[in-house]
Amino acid sequence: MTIEQMTPHWANQPGMVQPEFNGIIVDEFDERVADQFVPFAKAITQVTQLRSGRDFYPYVHGDPALLTKFIRPLMASGCRFAYLRYLKEQPTLNQAKAEIDRQLVQELVALEAVVPEVTKRLIVVLGLLSAPPLTLNANPGAGYKVFMDMQMHSLATNPAARGLYGIEQWISSYADEDYLRWAAKLFRHYCIEGSTQRLTDDPYMLDHIQNPEFEQGLAGWTVRAAEPTSVEARKLDGLGWLQGRWPRGEQGDTFLWLRRSARQANRVSQTIRNLEPGRNYSVKVLFADHGNLSKPHPNAITVEVEGVEAIVNGSFQTVVKKRPNHQNERFNLDDGYFGFQRFLFQAHSHTALLTLSDWVSPQESGGETGQELMVNFIEVEPYLVNDLGFRTDPTHAS
């Protein structure tokens, strides 16, 4: 589009002309359109002059040296810049801290160095995407809610973020409802009440079960196979990417393989450890048909937790359609489907027994004999329900 086309296109959007709106946010300006940065900036400047009093928020992402060609000409326009910062969940606490320092603190320092005073114009956009089909909650051994708290705490306390214009969480339509409510609490704690203390003292690493992704084969799991060769640990390159884990990597490529028998269920179990009696938890599981991802037919996977009080409201099993651009060379599907199950419970003791099976009940298989299922992402973590269940330090709880 030419400048003459872009200016009226943006200036006449509902957000720029209808009274119930304040402005528009335009997604997204990064290295893919860097050759158009100059005309984009000119058109945006014209729009802000035509629609004085309305907000224009460009959504920006990329290397600070590159972005300066776009941001610097707009500093006089009144624009605020939504600065994309989707941080990848890390395998250890120290790596998580280093990622926050690199992606938040150092990037803010670098951008401020090339565009002075830009921090006062930035809306840092953190990643709320936390459920299939697109999720940063990629590692079931790490607590993504704790990672969210760590990021917000860094922005609230590090001098590099002083004067920051705003914070955004992207996006509710990809968010587990538990994470959406947690994001609201983080906003209140840091951005409204102005706290500089961490909201939770829960550990970053989730230690409730071992080997939740079957990366170490079947280690830590007790296996009761229906037949001699009906339970295995396997790997499929690109499976985690198909499931929507972002960014693409090897996380999620290992899985539990089950072949359903007509005789009895395949069952794998493990003791859940380090629970706090009276606290609420969720068990999440991803699964799919190994032989046919193209149809959203039922996949009978049962999650049982013994020795707890089940929370029926909020427990569910559903089918998730993968994103079209998340392809895998083996399957090469435009459409692909996965099962997603969440089981909620309140702990009564420090341990409980988790069992996964490929029958819907001890008496009924509920699925096709011979169907091969892929099961992974066995995540056990505290669950925020009725303002209970997620531990906060009483000295600074909101």
Protein backbone atom coordinates (compact mmCIF):
# COMPACT_ATOMS: atom_id res chain seq x y z
CA MET A 1 0.00 0.00 0.00
CA THR A 2 1.12 3.54 -0.69
CA ILE A 3 1.16 6.28 1.94
CA GLU A 4 -1.91 7.75 0.23
CA GLN A 5 -3.72 4.42 0.72
CA MET A 6 -2.46 3.64 4.22
CA THR A 7 -3.40 6.97 5.79
CA PRO A 8 -7.18 6.83 5.11
CA HIS A 9 -7.23 3.07 5.75
CA TRP A 10 -6.01 3.54 9.32
CA ALA A 11 -7.64 6.94 9.93
CA ASN A 12 -11.10 5.56 9.19
CA GLN A 13 -10.94 2.43 11.31
CA PRO A 14 -13.73 2.24 13.95
CA GLY A 15 -11.20 2.84 16.72
CA MET A 16 -10.31 6.17 15.15
CA VAL A 17 -13.80 7.50 14.44
CA GLN A 18 -16.38 5.86 16.72
CA PRO A 19 -16.97 7.41 20.16
CA GLU A 20 -16.74 4.19 22.19
CA PHE A 21 -13.10 3.64 21.22
CA ASN A 22 -9.82 5.37 22.11
CA GLY A 23 -7.75 4.32 19.10
CA ILE A 24 -6.21 1.35 17.35
CA ILE A 25 -3.35 -1.10 17.79
CA VAL A 26 -1.73 -2.29 14.54
CA ASP A 27 0.01 -5.65 14.34
CA GLU A 28 2.91 -5.96 13.64
CA PHE A 29 5.99 -3.99 12.60
CA ASP A 30 9.15 -6.14 12.54
CA GLU A 31 11.98 -7.30 10.27
CA ARG A 32 9.49 -8.77 7.77
CA VAL A 33 8.34 -5.27 6.79
CA ALA A 34 11.55 -3.35 7.56
CA ASP A 35 11.84 -2.13 3.97
CA GLN A 36 8.54 -0.29 4.50
CA PHE A 37 9.43 1.35 7.81
CA VAL A 38 9.87 4.83 6.29
CA PRO A 39 6.51 5.01 4.45
CA PHE A 40 4.76 3.34 7.40
CA ALA A 41 6.11 6.00 9.77
CA LYS A 42 5.03 8.80 7.42
CA ALA A 43 1.51 7.41 7.11
CA ILE A 44 1.18 6.91 10.87
CA THR A 45 2.32 10.48 11.46
CA GLN A 46 -0.40 11.71 9.11
CA VAL A 47 -3.01 9.57 10.88
CA THR A 48 -2.08 10.99 14.31
CA GLN A 49 -2.40 14.50 12.89
CA LEU A 50 -5.78 13.75 11.31
CA ARG A 51 -7.12 12.03 14.43
CA SER A 52 -5.74 14.16 17.22
CA GLY A 53 -6.72 12.75 20.61
CA ARG A 54 -6.89 9.16 19.36
CA ASP A 55 -4.22 6.58 20.15
CA PHE A 56 -2.16 4.74 17.54
CA TYR A 57 -0.19 1.84 19.02
CA PRO A 58 2.19 0.10 16.59
CA TYR A 59 3.00 -3.48 17.66
CA VAL A 60 6.78 -3.77 17.27
CA HIS A 61 9.26 -6.60 17.51
CA GLY A 62 12.91 -7.12 16.63
CA ASP A 63 16.45 -5.92 17.05
CA PRO A 64 16.65 -2.45 18.63
CA ALA A 65 19.06 -1.19 15.96
CA LEU A 66 16.54 -2.14 13.28
CA LEU A 67 13.50 -0.79 15.11
CA THR A 68 15.06 2.60 15.58
CA LYS A 69 14.43 3.32 11.88
CA PHE A 70 10.72 2.98 12.56
CA ILE A 71 10.37 4.24 16.13
CA ARG A 72 12.56 7.36 16.04
CA PRO A 73 10.51 9.21 13.35
CA LEU A 74 7.36 8.54 15.40
CA MET A 75 8.61 9.83 18.74
CA ALA A 76 7.08 13.26 18.04
CA SER A 77 3.74 11.77 16.91
CA GLY A 78 2.41 10.78 20.32
CA CYS A 79 2.48 7.07 19.47
CA ARG A 80 3.00 4.45 22.15
CA PHE A 81 4.75 1.29 21.03
CA ALA A 82 3.53 -2.18 22.03
CA TYR A 83 6.85 -4.02 22.39
CA LEU A 84 6.50 -7.78 21.95
CA ARG A 85 8.41 -9.78 24.59
CA TYR A 86 7.25 -13.44 24.61
CA LEU A 87 9.74 -15.20 26.85
CA LYS A 88 10.40 -18.90 26.45
CA GLU A 89 9.98 -21.08 29.52
CA GLN A 90 13.41 -22.33 30.62
CA PRO A 91 14.47 -25.74 32.05
CA THR A 92 16.05 -24.33 35.25
CA LEU A 93 15.51 -21.39 37.59
CA ASN A 94 18.90 -19.83 36.79
CA GLN A 95 18.20 -20.06 33.07
CA ALA A 96 14.79 -18.49 33.62
CA LYS A 97 16.39 -15.57 35.47
CA ALA A 98 18.97 -15.17 32.69
CA GLU A 99 16.24 -15.18 30.04
CA ILE A 100 14.36 -12.42 31.85
CA ASP A 101 17.55 -10.36 32.14
CA ARG A 102 18.37 -10.85 28.45
CA GLN A 103 14.90 -10.43 26.96
CA LEU A 104 13.50 -7.76 29.23
CA VAL A 105 16.23 -5.80 30.98
CA GLN A 106 19.00 -5.82 28.37
CA GLU A 107 16.61 -5.29 25.44
CA LEU A 108 15.10 -2.26 27.18
CA VAL A 109 18.58 -0.88 27.83
CA ALA A 110 19.56 -1.43 24.19
CA LEU A 111 16.42 0.21 22.82
CA GLU A 112 16.74 3.20 25.15
CA ALA A 113 20.35 3.62 23.99
CA VAL A 114 19.38 4.03 20.33
CA VAL A 115 16.09 5.91 20.95
CA PRO A 116 16.43 8.04 24.11
CA GLU A 117 13.25 8.42 26.21
CA VAL A 118 11.55 5.59 24.34
CA THR A 119 10.91 3.64 27.57
CA LYS A 120 8.29 6.20 28.53
CA ARG A 121 6.50 5.33 25.27
CA LEU A 122 6.71 1.53 25.56
CA ILE A 123 4.00 -0.96 26.43
CA VAL A 124 5.87 -4.19 27.15
CA VAL A 125 3.77 -7.08 25.81
CA LEU A 126 4.32 -10.26 27.82
CA GLY A 127 3.14 -13.71 26.81
CA LEU A 128 -0.14 -14.88 28.34
CA LEU A 129 -0.54 -17.65 25.75
CA SER A 130 -0.63 -20.69 28.00
CA ALA A 131 -2.91 -23.35 26.51
CA PRO A 132 -3.20 -25.24 23.21
CA PRO A 133 -3.18 -24.53 20.31
CA LEU A 134 -0.49 -21.90 21.01
CA THR A 135 1.37 -21.84 24.30
CA LEU A 136 4.50 -20.63 26.03
CA ASN A 137 3.68 -23.06 28.85
CA ALA A 138 5.76 -25.65 27.04
CA ASN A 139 7.62 -27.42 29.86
CA PRO A 140 5.50 -29.41 32.36
CA GLY A 141 8.47 -29.42 34.73
CA ALA A 142 8.41 -25.63 35.16
CA GLY A 143 5.75 -23.35 36.64
CA TYR A 144 4.66 -20.85 34.02
CA LYS A 145 2.56 -18.84 36.50
CA VAL A 146 5.70 -18.37 38.61
CA PHE A 147 7.59 -17.36 35.45
CA MET A 148 4.90 -14.74 34.75
CA ASP A 149 5.37 -13.37 38.28
CA MET A 150 9.14 -13.23 37.81
CA GLN A 151 8.77 -11.18 34.62
CA MET A 152 6.35 -8.70 36.15
CA HIS A 153 8.56 -8.36 39.22
CA SER A 154 11.54 -7.54 37.00
CA LEU A 155 9.61 -4.78 35.23
CA ALA A 156 8.41 -3.43 38.59
CA THR A 157 11.86 -3.24 40.16
CA ASN A 158 14.61 -2.95 37.54
CA PRO A 159 15.84 0.60 36.84
CA ALA A 160 15.84 -0.17 33.11
CA ALA A 161 12.02 -0.23 33.20
CA ARG A 162 11.60 2.95 35.24
CA GLY A 163 8.97 5.17 33.64
CA LEU A 164 7.59 2.37 31.48
CA TYR A 165 4.31 3.48 29.89
CA GLY A 166 2.43 0.21 30.29
CA ILE A 167 2.27 -3.58 30.35
CA GLU A 168 0.11 -5.88 28.25
CA GLN A 169 -0.49 -9.64 28.40
CA TRP A 170 -1.09 -11.35 25.04
CA ILE A 171 -3.65 -12.94 24.59
CA SER A 172 -6.77 -14.12 26.45
CA SER A 173 -8.01 -16.36 23.62
CA TYR A 174 -4.92 -18.56 23.99
CA ALA A 175 -4.93 -18.46 27.80
CA ASP A 176 -5.91 -21.12 30.28
CA GLU A 177 -8.59 -19.44 32.43
CA ASP A 178 -6.46 -20.07 35.51
CA TYR A 179 -3.62 -18.09 33.94
CA LEU A 180 -5.97 -15.31 32.87
CA ARG A 181 -7.09 -14.80 36.47
CA TRP A 182 -3.48 -14.98 37.62
CA ALA A 183 -2.55 -12.25 35.10
CA ALA A 184 -5.30 -10.06 36.57
CA LYS A 185 -3.86 -10.54 40.05
CA LEU A 186 -0.38 -9.65 38.77
CA PHE A 187 -1.73 -6.47 37.17
CA ARG A 188 -3.40 -5.45 40.43
CA HIS A 189 -0.38 -6.35 42.58
CA TYR A 190 2.32 -4.61 40.53
CA CYS A 191 0.58 -2.04 38.34
CA ILE A 192 -2.29 -0.82 40.54
CA GLU A 193 -1.10 -1.36 44.11
CA GLY A 194 2.50 -0.63 43.14
CA SER A 195 4.09 -3.54 44.99
CA THR A 196 7.77 -4.31 44.45
CA GLN A 197 7.59 -7.71 46.21
CA ARG A 198 6.98 -11.03 44.47
CA LEU A 199 3.33 -12.05 44.57
CA THR A 200 4.08 -15.76 45.09
CA ASP A 201 6.91 -17.61 46.77
CA ASP A 202 6.11 -20.88 45.00
CA PRO A 203 9.17 -22.50 43.37
CA TYR A 204 9.76 -22.13 39.65
CA MET A 205 10.47 -25.84 39.19
CA LEU A 206 7.48 -28.19 39.52
CA ASP A 207 8.58 -31.25 41.47
CA HIS A 208 5.28 -33.06 41.93
CA ILE A 209 6.06 -35.84 39.44
CA GLN A 210 9.16 -37.17 37.73
CA ASN A 211 9.74 -37.43 34.00
CA PRO A 212 6.44 -35.76 33.00
CA GLU A 213 7.35 -35.73 29.30
CA PHE A 214 8.88 -39.27 29.08
CA GLU A 215 12.23 -37.79 28.06
CA GLN A 216 13.89 -40.47 30.24
CA GLY A 217 11.79 -43.26 28.80
CA LEU A 218 9.44 -44.78 31.38
CA ALA A 219 11.63 -43.89 34.37
CA GLY A 220 9.57 -42.96 37.43
CA TRP A 221 6.39 -44.56 36.07
CA THR A 222 4.87 -47.88 37.11
CA VAL A 223 3.61 -49.66 34.00
CA ARG A 224 0.83 -52.21 33.85
CA ALA A 225 0.68 -53.09 30.16
CA ALA A 226 -2.34 -54.89 28.74
CA GLU A 227 -0.04 -56.84 26.39
CA PRO A 228 3.75 -57.37 26.26
CA THR A 229 4.34 -54.64 23.64
CA SER A 230 1.46 -52.21 24.22
CA VAL A 231 3.29 -49.52 26.26
CA GLU A 232 6.48 -47.73 25.19
CA ALA A 233 8.23 -44.37 25.42
CA ARG A 234 8.85 -42.90 21.96
CA LYS A 235 9.91 -39.74 20.16
CA LEU A 236 8.49 -37.94 17.14
CA ASP A 237 10.39 -34.93 15.81
CA GLY A 238 8.16 -31.88 15.66
CA LEU A 239 5.34 -33.23 17.84
CA GLY A 240 5.66 -30.39 20.36
CA TRP A 241 5.44 -27.86 17.53
CA LEU A 242 2.29 -29.55 16.21
CA GLN A 243 0.79 -29.24 19.68
CA GLY A 244 1.37 -25.49 19.59
CA ARG A 245 4.36 -25.13 21.91
CA TRP A 246 6.15 -21.90 21.06
CA PRO A 247 8.81 -21.25 19.95
CA ARG A 248 9.68 -24.40 18.05
CA GLY A 249 12.12 -26.72 19.76
CA GLU A 250 12.47 -30.31 20.96
CA GLN A 251 10.24 -29.86 24.01
CA GLY A 252 7.21 -32.13 23.59
CA ASP A 253 8.68 -34.48 21.00
CA THR A 254 8.83 -37.39 23.46
CA PHE A 255 5.68 -39.17 24.53
CA LEU A 256 4.06 -42.24 26.05
CA TRP A 257 2.84 -44.64 23.35
CA LEU A 258 -0.17 -46.83 24.15
CA ARG A 259 -1.82 -49.41 21.90
CA ARG A 260 -5.33 -50.16 23.14
CA SER A 261 -6.12 -53.79 23.86
CA ALA A 262 -9.51 -55.50 23.89
CA ARG A 263 -8.52 -57.48 27.01
CA GLN A 264 -7.84 -54.73 29.52
CA ALA A 265 -6.53 -51.19 29.88
CA ASN A 266 -2.93 -50.08 29.64
CA ARG A 267 -2.18 -48.23 32.88
CA VAL A 268 0.79 -46.12 33.95
CA SER A 269 0.96 -44.56 37.38
CA GLN A 270 3.17 -42.46 39.61
CA THR A 271 2.95 -40.98 43.09
CA ILE A 272 2.39 -37.21 43.08
CA ARG A 273 4.71 -35.72 45.69
CA ASN A 274 5.11 -32.50 47.67
CA LEU A 275 1.44 -31.60 47.81
CA GLU A 276 0.09 -29.25 50.47
CA PRO A 277 -3.06 -30.56 52.19
CA GLY A 278 -6.01 -28.27 51.54
CA ARG A 279 -4.46 -26.75 48.44
CA ASN A 280 -5.94 -27.03 44.94
CA TYR A 281 -4.06 -28.53 41.98
CA SER A 282 -4.55 -29.31 38.31
CA VAL A 283 -3.32 -32.26 36.25
CA LYS A 284 -3.05 -31.48 32.53
CA VAL A 285 -2.51 -34.05 29.78
CA LEU A 286 -2.11 -33.79 26.00
CA PHE A 287 -2.85 -36.79 23.78
CA ALA A 288 -3.54 -37.70 20.15
CA ASP A 289 -4.12 -40.58 17.77
CA HIS A 290 -0.68 -41.67 16.57
CA GLY A 291 -2.09 -43.03 13.32
CA ASN A 292 -4.67 -40.39 12.42
CA LEU A 293 -4.45 -36.76 13.48
CA SER A 294 -6.76 -35.53 10.73
CA LYS A 295 -10.12 -36.25 12.38
CA PRO A 296 -11.43 -34.93 15.69
CA HIS A 297 -12.67 -38.32 16.89
CA PRO A 298 -12.68 -39.22 20.60
CA ASN A 299 -9.50 -40.54 22.16
CA ALA A 300 -10.26 -42.42 25.35
CA ILE A 301 -7.74 -41.32 27.96
CA THR A 302 -8.66 -41.44 31.62
CA VAL A 303 -6.92 -39.48 34.36
CA GLU A 304 -7.39 -40.79 37.91
CA VAL A 305 -5.97 -39.32 41.12
CA GLU A 306 -6.49 -41.39 44.28
CA GLY A 307 -6.53 -39.95 47.78
CA VAL A 308 -7.80 -36.48 46.85
CA GLU A 309 -11.07 -34.59 46.57
CA ALA A 310 -11.95 -34.17 42.89
CA ILE A 311 -13.15 -30.73 41.76
CA VAL A 312 -15.71 -31.48 39.08
CA ASN A 313 -16.41 -27.87 38.11
CA GLY A 314 -13.45 -26.99 35.89
CA SER A 315 -12.30 -30.51 35.06
CA PHE A 316 -12.80 -31.34 31.39
CA GLN A 317 -11.61 -33.17 28.29
CA THR A 318 -11.77 -31.42 24.93
CA VAL A 319 -10.48 -31.56 21.35
CA VAL A 320 -8.08 -28.87 20.14
CA LYS A 321 -7.43 -28.07 16.47
CA LYS A 322 -3.81 -27.27 15.69
CA ARG A 323 -2.77 -23.99 14.10
CA PRO A 324 -2.39 -24.24 10.27
CA ASN A 325 1.19 -22.89 10.25
CA HIS A 326 2.37 -25.49 12.78
CA GLN A 327 3.34 -28.22 10.33
CA ASN A 328 5.22 -31.48 10.72
CA GLU A 329 7.06 -33.14 7.85
CA ARG A 330 5.69 -36.58 8.71
CA PHE A 331 2.02 -35.63 8.92
CA ASN A 332 1.91 -32.53 6.64
CA LEU A 333 -1.65 -31.71 7.71
CA ASP A 334 -3.57 -28.50 7.32
CA ASP A 335 -5.93 -29.79 9.99
CA GLY A 336 -4.79 -31.80 12.98
CA TYR A 337 -6.45 -32.53 16.30
CA PHE A 338 -5.28 -33.22 19.83
CA GLY A 339 -7.03 -34.12 23.04
CA PHE A 340 -6.52 -31.89 26.07
CA GLN A 341 -7.61 -33.00 29.53
CA ARG A 342 -7.56 -31.15 32.83
CA PHE A 343 -8.37 -32.76 36.16
CA LEU A 344 -8.73 -30.56 39.26
CA PHE A 345 -8.43 -31.72 42.83
CA GLN A 346 -7.85 -30.61 46.38
CA ALA A 347 -5.05 -32.41 48.20
CA HIS A 348 -5.78 -34.20 51.48
CA SER A 349 -2.19 -35.29 52.16
CA HIS A 350 1.33 -34.70 50.86
CA THR A 351 1.04 -37.47 48.25
CA ALA A 352 -1.55 -38.91 45.86
CA LEU A 353 -1.53 -41.60 43.18
CA LEU A 354 -1.85 -40.47 39.54
CA THR A 355 -2.89 -43.09 36.98
CA LEU A 356 -3.32 -42.70 33.21
CA SER A 357 -5.16 -45.37 31.22
CA ASP A 358 -6.50 -45.84 27.69
CA TRP A 359 -9.88 -47.19 28.82
CA VAL A 360 -12.74 -45.01 30.02
CA SER A 361 -13.44 -47.38 32.91
CA PRO A 362 -12.20 -50.76 34.23
CA GLN A 363 -15.04 -52.44 32.35
CA GLU A 364 -15.22 -50.42 29.11
CA SER A 365 -12.52 -49.51 26.61
CA GLY A 366 -14.47 -46.61 25.08
CA GLY A 367 -12.30 -46.64 21.95
CA GLU A 368 -11.08 -48.66 19.02
CA THR A 369 -9.04 -51.78 19.73
CA GLY A 370 -5.56 -51.31 18.32
CA GLN A 371 -5.73 -47.52 18.37
CA GLU A 372 -2.28 -46.07 19.11
CA LEU A 373 -2.24 -43.03 21.37
CA MET A 374 0.47 -40.46 22.04
CA VAL A 375 0.37 -38.99 25.57
CA ASN A 376 2.62 -36.27 27.05
CA PHE A 377 2.70 -32.93 28.90
CA ILE A 378 1.73 -34.41 32.27
CA GLU A 379 1.73 -31.16 34.24
CA VAL A 380 0.80 -31.04 37.94
CA GLU A 381 0.71 -27.54 39.42
CA PRO A 382 -1.20 -25.39 41.93
CA TYR A 383 -4.56 -24.20 40.64
CA LEU A 384 -6.10 -20.83 41.46
CA VAL A 385 -9.79 -21.33 42.29
CA ASN A 386 -12.05 -19.10 44.39
CA ASP A 387 -8.98 -17.02 45.29
CA LEU A 388 -7.46 -20.04 47.00
CA GLY A 389 -4.84 -22.54 45.97
CA PHE A 390 -1.94 -20.37 44.82
CA ARG A 391 0.34 -19.60 47.72
CA THR A 392 1.34 -16.02 48.41
CA ASP A 393 3.58 -14.63 51.09
CA PRO A 394 1.15 -13.23 53.71
CA THR A 395 3.42 -10.24 54.25
CA HIS A 396 2.78 -8.95 50.75
CA ALA A 397 -0.29 -10.81 49.46
CA SER A 398 -2.82 -8.72 47.57
